[in-house]
Protein backbone atom coordinates (compact mmCIF):
# COMPACT_ATOMS: atom_id res chain seq x y z
CA UNK A 1 -9.03 17.66 -16.45
CA UNK A 2 -8.44 15.99 -13.06
CA UNK A 3 -5.45 13.67 -12.79
CA UNK A 4 -6.21 9.97 -12.48
CA UNK A 5 -6.35 8.60 -9.00
CA UNK A 6 -4.66 5.24 -8.28
CA UNK A 7 -5.30 3.24 -5.11
CA UNK A 8 -2.81 0.50 -4.60
CA UNK A 9 -2.18 -2.15 -2.02
CA UNK A 10 1.64 -2.31 -1.85
CA UNK A 11 1.69 -4.86 0.88
CA UNK A 12 -0.12 -7.43 -1.34
CA UNK A 13 2.94 -7.77 -3.62
CA UNK A 14 5.03 -8.88 -0.68
CA UNK A 15 2.55 -11.20 0.93
CA UNK A 16 1.03 -12.86 -2.14
CA UNK A 17 1.91 -13.94 -5.57
CA UNK A 18 -0.15 -11.93 -7.96
CA UNK A 19 -0.98 -13.81 -11.15
CA UNK A 20 -3.09 -11.11 -12.88
CA UNK A 21 -3.78 -7.44 -12.61
CA UNK A 22 -7.00 -5.59 -13.48
CA UNK A 23 -7.92 -1.93 -13.54
CA UNK A 24 -11.42 -1.28 -12.18
CA UNK A 25 -13.58 1.78 -11.45
CA UNK A 26 -15.40 2.14 -8.21
CA UNK A 27 -19.03 3.35 -7.73
CA UNK A 28 -18.73 6.33 -5.38
CA UNK A 29 -21.10 8.95 -4.20
CA UNK A 30 -21.09 12.23 -2.28
CA UNK A 31 -18.26 12.92 0.05
CA UNK A 32 -16.38 9.65 -0.88
CA UNK A 33 -15.09 11.30 -3.97
CA UNK A 34 -13.65 14.27 -2.13
CA UNK A 35 -11.94 12.05 0.47
CA UNK A 36 -10.33 9.89 -2.18
CA UNK A 37 -9.04 12.91 -4.05
CA UNK A 38 -7.44 13.96 -0.76
CA UNK A 39 -5.65 10.58 -0.60
CA UNK A 40 -7.75 9.27 2.35
CA UNK A 41 -8.41 5.75 0.98
CA UNK A 42 -6.89 2.53 2.17
CA UNK A 43 -7.30 -1.03 0.72
CA UNK A 44 -4.75 -2.83 2.83
CA UNK A 45 -7.31 -4.99 4.63
CA UNK A 46 -9.74 -5.18 1.59
CA UNK A 47 -10.78 -8.09 -0.54
CA UNK A 48 -13.15 -8.56 -3.47
CA UNK A 49 -16.16 -10.86 -3.77
CA UNK A 50 -19.00 -11.63 -6.13
CA UNK A 51 -22.65 -11.31 -5.15
CA UNK A 52 -25.33 -13.69 -6.39
CA UNK A 53 -26.00 -11.57 -9.45
CA UNK A 54 -22.30 -11.88 -10.59
CA UNK A 55 -21.39 -8.25 -9.61
CA UNK A 56 -17.90 -7.62 -8.06
CA UNK A 57 -17.68 -5.68 -4.84
CA UNK A 58 -14.78 -4.55 -2.69
CA UNK A 59 -15.18 -5.34 1.02
CA UNK A 60 -13.48 -3.44 3.93
CA UNK A 61 -12.11 -0.56 1.81
CA UNK A 62 -11.46 2.27 4.26
CA UNK A 63 -12.39 5.74 2.97
CA UNK A 64 -12.10 8.32 5.72
CA UNK A 65 -15.00 10.69 6.37
CA UNK A 66 -14.67 14.02 4.59
CA UNK A 67 -13.58 16.72 7.12
CA UNK A 68 -15.89 19.36 5.67
CA UNK A 69 -18.86 17.04 5.34
CA UNK A 70 -22.15 17.32 7.22
CA UNK A 71 -24.06 14.68 9.03
CA UNK A 72 -24.75 13.16 5.56
CA UNK A 73 -21.18 11.94 5.38
CA UNK A 74 -20.51 8.45 3.89
CA UNK A 75 -19.82 5.30 5.88
CA UNK A 76 -16.03 4.66 6.07
CA UNK A 77 -16.21 0.90 5.40
CA UNK A 78 -19.22 0.54 3.12
CA UNK A 79 -19.47 -2.14 0.50
CA UNK A 80 -18.50 -0.54 -2.87
CA UNK A 81 -19.24 -1.89 -6.32
CA UNK A 82 -16.29 -2.32 -8.76
CA UNK A 83 -16.75 -1.57 -12.42
CA UNK A 84 -15.09 -4.03 -14.84
CA UNK A 85 -15.74 -4.92 -18.46
CA UNK A 86 -17.90 -8.01 -18.79
CA UNK A 87 -15.07 -9.99 -20.41
CA UNK A 88 -12.81 -9.20 -17.48
CA UNK A 89 -15.46 -10.36 -14.96
CA UNK A 90 -15.83 -13.61 -16.85
CA UNK A 91 -12.04 -13.97 -16.90
CA UNK A 92 -11.94 -13.56 -13.02
CA UNK A 93 -14.71 -16.07 -12.42
């Protein structure tokens, strides 16, 4: 079994007062998974926002392109959907 991968924004603790903390999954595809396993993800400049359907997305998350990928590599700063339990989404809203 693969070890769990945590992506943290350490700078946020120093610049902001965090009132709540949530664990969320991210919808990934293709080479994004391999890049994140190699530790090539950065959420320092990221933020979350809801769309009109009430789904939560992370904006400006940097996932570097996979070095062994082909021309079908992912976009480094694509919009990525976050997976939260429905009661947590309601809590955030």
